[in-house]
Amino acid sequence: MLKQYRTCLHNRLIGKEAQQDIKGEWTQIKEAMIESANEVIQTQATSNRNEWWDESCKLIMSQKNEARKKYLQVKNYSYS
């Protein structure tokens, strides 16, 4: 895949005219890199990494956190 990317990038850059300013050169190189990557590597849709996290998980975590707070308050109160 790397060789394909390099070949594609080379082919895109070889036909470009030299720009007078560095900004123009960079823009051409950047566009060629992005286009080559899109062509060779292509993009994949990102998936939700937390598909299992739902309302019931939120509720349980909230209850757990409240129970922990109460425990810490009672524990601190008993040492006073």
C-alpha atoms as a PDB file:
ATOM      1  CA  MET A   1       0.000   0.000   0.000  1.00  0.00           C
ATOM      2  CA  LEU A   2       2.866   2.369   0.762  1.00  0.00           C
ATOM      3  CA  LYS A   3       4.347   1.780  -2.677  1.00  0.00           C
ATOM      4  CA  GLN A   4       0.965   2.511  -4.281  1.00  0.00           C
ATOM      5  CA  TYR A   5       0.669   5.733  -2.272  1.00  0.00           C
ATOM      6  CA  ARG A   6       4.154   6.864  -3.239  1.00  0.00           C
ATOM      7  CA  THR A   7       3.512   6.100  -6.916  1.00  0.00           C
ATOM      8  CA  CYS A   8       0.192   7.918  -6.879  1.00  0.00           C
ATOM      9  CA  LEU A   9       1.709  10.920  -5.090  1.00  0.00           C
ATOM     10  CA  HIS A  10       4.640  11.019  -7.491  1.00  0.00           C
ATOM     11  CA  ASN A  11       2.295  10.923 -10.487  1.00  0.00           C
ATOM     12  CA  ARG A  12       0.228  13.772  -9.083  1.00  0.00           C
ATOM     13  CA  LEU A  13       3.249  15.938  -8.318  1.00  0.00           C
ATOM     14  CA  ILE A  14       5.126  15.287 -11.560  1.00  0.00           C
ATOM     15  CA  GLY A  15       2.521  17.084 -13.658  1.00  0.00           C
ATOM     16  CA  LYS A  16       2.293  20.204 -11.491  1.00  0.00           C
ATOM     17  CA  GLU A  17       3.884  23.478 -12.486  1.00  0.00           C
ATOM     18  CA  ALA A  18       6.279  25.108 -10.065  1.00  0.00           C
ATOM     19  CA  GLN A  19       4.726  27.948  -8.106  1.00  0.00           C
ATOM     20  CA  GLN A  20       6.372  31.306  -7.508  1.00  0.00           C
ATOM     21  CA  ASP A  21       5.726  31.342  -3.774  1.00  0.00           C
ATOM     22  CA  ILE A  22       6.176  28.788  -1.035  1.00  0.00           C
ATOM     23  CA  LYS A  23       2.504  28.986  -0.037  1.00  0.00           C
ATOM     24  CA  GLY A  24       1.421  27.907  -3.507  1.00  0.00           C
ATOM     25  CA  GLU A  25       3.948  25.071  -3.517  1.00  0.00           C
ATOM     26  CA  TRP A  26       2.761  23.843  -0.144  1.00  0.00           C
ATOM     27  CA  THR A  27      -0.888  23.992  -1.229  1.00  0.00           C
ATOM     28  CA  GLN A  28      -0.135  21.851  -4.292  1.00  0.00           C
ATOM     29  CA  ILE A  29       1.835  19.317  -2.252  1.00  0.00           C
ATOM     30  CA  LYS A  30      -0.815  19.155   0.456  1.00  0.00           C
ATOM     31  CA  GLU A  31      -3.636  18.642  -2.048  1.00  0.00           C
ATOM     32  CA  ALA A  32      -1.641  15.949  -3.867  1.00  0.00           C
ATOM     33  CA  MET A  33      -0.970  14.139  -0.580  1.00  0.00           C
ATOM     34  CA  ILE A  34      -4.621  14.230   0.489  1.00  0.00           C
ATOM     35  CA  GLU A  35      -5.911  13.149  -2.929  1.00  0.00           C
ATOM     36  CA  SER A  36      -3.388  10.312  -3.115  1.00  0.00           C
ATOM     37  CA  ALA A  37      -4.251   9.115   0.370  1.00  0.00           C
ATOM     38  CA  ASN A  38      -7.976   9.215  -0.413  1.00  0.00           C
ATOM     39  CA  GLU A  39      -7.414   7.272  -3.608  1.00  0.00           C
ATOM     40  CA  VAL A  40      -5.104   4.590  -2.210  1.00  0.00           C
ATOM     41  CA  ILE A  41      -6.078   4.280   1.435  1.00  0.00           C
ATOM     42  CA  GLN A  42      -9.642   5.553   1.256  1.00  0.00           C
ATOM     43  CA  THR A  43     -11.556   6.595   4.331  1.00  0.00           C
ATOM     44  CA  GLN A  44     -13.595   4.487   6.685  1.00  0.00           C
ATOM     45  CA  ALA A  45     -16.554   5.668   8.650  1.00  0.00           C
ATOM     46  CA  THR A  46     -15.797   5.875  12.327  1.00  0.00           C
ATOM     47  CA  SER A  47     -17.926   3.775  14.569  1.00  0.00           C
ATOM     48  CA  ASN A  48     -19.155   4.671  17.986  1.00  0.00           C
ATOM     49  CA  ARG A  49     -16.632   3.157  20.381  1.00  0.00           C
ATOM     50  CA  ASN A  50     -19.109   3.112  23.261  1.00  0.00           C
ATOM     51  CA  GLU A  51     -22.021   1.311  21.682  1.00  0.00           C
ATOM     52  CA  TRP A  52     -22.650  -0.529  24.954  1.00  0.00           C
ATOM     53  CA  TRP A  53     -23.007   2.720  26.955  1.00  0.00           C
ATOM     54  CA  ASP A  54     -26.714   3.484  27.257  1.00  0.00           C
ATOM     55  CA  GLU A  55     -29.190   5.065  29.670  1.00  0.00           C
ATOM     56  CA  SER A  56     -29.172   2.074  32.025  1.00  0.00           C
ATOM     57  CA  CYS A  57     -25.371   2.320  32.319  1.00  0.00           C
ATOM     58  CA  LYS A  58     -25.653   6.031  33.075  1.00  0.00           C
ATOM     59  CA  LEU A  59     -28.264   5.355  35.754  1.00  0.00           C
ATOM     60  CA  ILE A  60     -26.207   2.614  37.401  1.00  0.00           C
ATOM     61  CA  MET A  61     -23.050   4.768  37.377  1.00  0.00           C
ATOM     62  CA  SER A  62     -24.988   7.642  38.908  1.00  0.00           C
ATOM     63  CA  GLN A  63     -26.302   5.366  41.663  1.00  0.00           C
ATOM     64  CA  LYS A  64     -22.802   3.990  42.271  1.00  0.00           C
ATOM     65  CA  ASN A  65     -21.354   7.490  42.530  1.00  0.00           C
ATOM     66  CA  GLU A  66     -24.064   8.590  44.976  1.00  0.00           C
ATOM     67  CA  ALA A  67     -23.457   5.499  47.128  1.00  0.00           C
ATOM     68  CA  ARG A  68     -19.713   6.244  47.122  1.00  0.00           C
ATOM     69  CA  LYS A  69     -20.309   9.847  48.179  1.00  0.00           C
ATOM     70  CA  LYS A  70     -22.514   8.683  51.061  1.00  0.00           C
ATOM     71  CA  TYR A  71     -19.917   6.111  52.105  1.00  0.00           C
ATOM     72  CA  LEU A  72     -17.152   8.719  52.103  1.00  0.00           C
ATOM     73  CA  GLN A  73     -19.292  11.157  54.113  1.00  0.00           C
ATOM     74  CA  VAL A  74     -20.109   8.511  56.744  1.00  0.00           C
ATOM     75  CA  LYS A  75     -16.481   7.353  56.857  1.00  0.00           C
ATOM     76  CA  ASN A  76     -15.224  10.937  57.342  1.00  0.00           C
ATOM     77  CA  TYR A  77     -17.911  11.693  59.925  1.00  0.00           C
ATOM     78  CA  SER A  78     -16.983   8.678  62.054  1.00  0.00           C
ATOM     79  CA  TYR A  79     -13.358   9.846  62.339  1.00  0.00           C
ATOM     80  CA  SER A  80     -14.336  13.276  63.647  1.00  0.00           C
END
